[in-house]
């Protein structure tokens, strides 16, 4: 066991659902949102696309992330 989640089968579709006001919130804030699911090993990028959310799913396994410089 490597400690990394198993990669999903390639034939499994990935999908998303959002509330009706979420695209408007992202538009008003002028941002996109990046979500990482550690156990699922997915990096999800969300951006407003009119009245809908455009999502991009990526398989991503970071080995090390740091917000602080080495001491």
C-alpha atoms as a PDB file:
ATOM      1  CA  UNK A   1       0.000   0.000   0.000  1.00  0.00           C
ATOM      2  CA  UNK A   2       1.486   3.327  -1.084  1.00  0.00           C
ATOM      3  CA  UNK A   3      -0.812   5.645   0.854  1.00  0.00           C
ATOM      4  CA  UNK A   4      -2.138   7.213  -2.342  1.00  0.00           C
ATOM      5  CA  UNK A   5      -5.786   6.831  -3.341  1.00  0.00           C
ATOM      6  CA  UNK A   6      -6.574   4.479  -6.164  1.00  0.00           C
ATOM      7  CA  UNK A   7      -7.023   6.055  -9.576  1.00  0.00           C
ATOM      8  CA  UNK A   8     -10.669   5.823 -10.715  1.00  0.00           C
ATOM      9  CA  UNK A   9     -11.535   3.810 -13.781  1.00  0.00           C
ATOM     10  CA  UNK A  10     -11.151   5.895 -16.927  1.00  0.00           C
ATOM     11  CA  UNK A  11     -14.703   5.119 -18.040  1.00  0.00           C
ATOM     12  CA  UNK A  12     -16.250   6.654 -14.917  1.00  0.00           C
ATOM     13  CA  UNK A  13     -17.593  10.102 -15.859  1.00  0.00           C
ATOM     14  CA  UNK A  14     -16.869  13.008 -13.569  1.00  0.00           C
ATOM     15  CA  UNK A  15     -19.625  15.524 -13.041  1.00  0.00           C
ATOM     16  CA  UNK A  16     -20.614  18.410 -10.839  1.00  0.00           C
ATOM     17  CA  UNK A  17     -23.757  20.138  -9.593  1.00  0.00           C
ATOM     18  CA  UNK A  18     -24.020  23.686  -8.224  1.00  0.00           C
ATOM     19  CA  UNK A  19     -26.541  26.059  -6.718  1.00  0.00           C
ATOM     20  CA  UNK A  20     -28.149  28.635  -9.003  1.00  0.00           C
ATOM     21  CA  UNK A  21     -26.365  31.587  -7.361  1.00  0.00           C
ATOM     22  CA  UNK A  22     -22.822  30.136  -7.271  1.00  0.00           C
ATOM     23  CA  UNK A  23     -21.799  31.410 -10.755  1.00  0.00           C
ATOM     24  CA  UNK A  24     -23.029  34.888  -9.803  1.00  0.00           C
ATOM     25  CA  UNK A  25     -20.959  34.835  -6.589  1.00  0.00           C
ATOM     26  CA  UNK A  26     -17.784  33.894  -8.470  1.00  0.00           C
ATOM     27  CA  UNK A  27     -18.486  36.584 -11.071  1.00  0.00           C
ATOM     28  CA  UNK A  28     -19.117  39.289  -8.453  1.00  0.00           C
ATOM     29  CA  UNK A  29     -15.898  38.389  -6.652  1.00  0.00           C
ATOM     30  CA  UNK A  30     -13.990  38.128  -9.930  1.00  0.00           C
ATOM     31  CA  UNK A  31     -12.443  34.789  -8.958  1.00  0.00           C
ATOM     32  CA  UNK A  32     -12.110  31.165  -9.911  1.00  0.00           C
ATOM     33  CA  UNK A  33     -11.959  28.470  -7.260  1.00  0.00           C
ATOM     34  CA  UNK A  34      -9.503  25.589  -6.985  1.00  0.00           C
ATOM     35  CA  UNK A  35     -10.527  22.607  -4.842  1.00  0.00           C
ATOM     36  CA  UNK A  36      -8.346  19.630  -3.982  1.00  0.00           C
ATOM     37  CA  UNK A  37      -9.786  16.342  -2.767  1.00  0.00           C
ATOM     38  CA  UNK A  38      -6.929  14.640  -0.954  1.00  0.00           C
ATOM     39  CA  UNK A  39      -8.513  11.203  -0.683  1.00  0.00           C
ATOM     40  CA  UNK A  40      -9.842  11.314  -4.224  1.00  0.00           C
ATOM     41  CA  UNK A  41      -6.621  12.744  -5.644  1.00  0.00           C
ATOM     42  CA  UNK A  42      -8.525  15.304  -7.734  1.00  0.00           C
ATOM     43  CA  UNK A  43      -7.727  18.932  -8.425  1.00  0.00           C
ATOM     44  CA  UNK A  44     -10.905  20.719  -9.527  1.00  0.00           C
ATOM     45  CA  UNK A  45     -10.900  24.181 -11.092  1.00  0.00           C
ATOM     46  CA  UNK A  46     -14.248  26.010 -11.081  1.00  0.00           C
ATOM     47  CA  UNK A  47     -15.052  29.210 -12.945  1.00  0.00           C
ATOM     48  CA  UNK A  48     -18.210  31.072 -13.818  1.00  0.00           C
ATOM     49  CA  UNK A  49     -19.397  30.618 -17.403  1.00  0.00           C
ATOM     50  CA  UNK A  50     -22.523  32.746 -17.713  1.00  0.00           C
ATOM     51  CA  UNK A  51     -25.212  31.143 -15.549  1.00  0.00           C
ATOM     52  CA  UNK A  52     -23.242  27.901 -15.233  1.00  0.00           C
ATOM     53  CA  UNK A  53     -20.015  26.688 -13.652  1.00  0.00           C
ATOM     54  CA  UNK A  54     -17.265  25.420 -15.915  1.00  0.00           C
ATOM     55  CA  UNK A  55     -15.296  22.675 -14.166  1.00  0.00           C
ATOM     56  CA  UNK A  56     -11.968  21.075 -15.022  1.00  0.00           C
ATOM     57  CA  UNK A  57     -11.030  17.859 -13.232  1.00  0.00           C
ATOM     58  CA  UNK A  58      -7.412  16.770 -12.963  1.00  0.00           C
ATOM     59  CA  UNK A  59      -5.797  13.820 -11.202  1.00  0.00           C
ATOM     60  CA  UNK A  60      -3.161  15.292  -8.916  1.00  0.00           C
ATOM     61  CA  UNK A  61      -0.981  13.752  -6.204  1.00  0.00           C
ATOM     62  CA  UNK A  62       1.263  16.325  -4.530  1.00  0.00           C
ATOM     63  CA  UNK A  63       4.257  14.890  -2.756  1.00  0.00           C
ATOM     64  CA  UNK A  64       4.863  17.960  -0.653  1.00  0.00           C
ATOM     65  CA  UNK A  65       3.228  21.361  -0.407  1.00  0.00           C
ATOM     66  CA  UNK A  66       4.512  24.148   1.807  1.00  0.00           C
ATOM     67  CA  UNK A  67       3.414  27.676   2.485  1.00  0.00           C
ATOM     68  CA  UNK A  68       6.532  28.484   4.509  1.00  0.00           C
ATOM     69  CA  UNK A  69      10.164  28.689   3.450  1.00  0.00           C
ATOM     70  CA  UNK A  70      12.603  26.177   4.878  1.00  0.00           C
ATOM     71  CA  UNK A  71      14.241  27.267   8.090  1.00  0.00           C
END
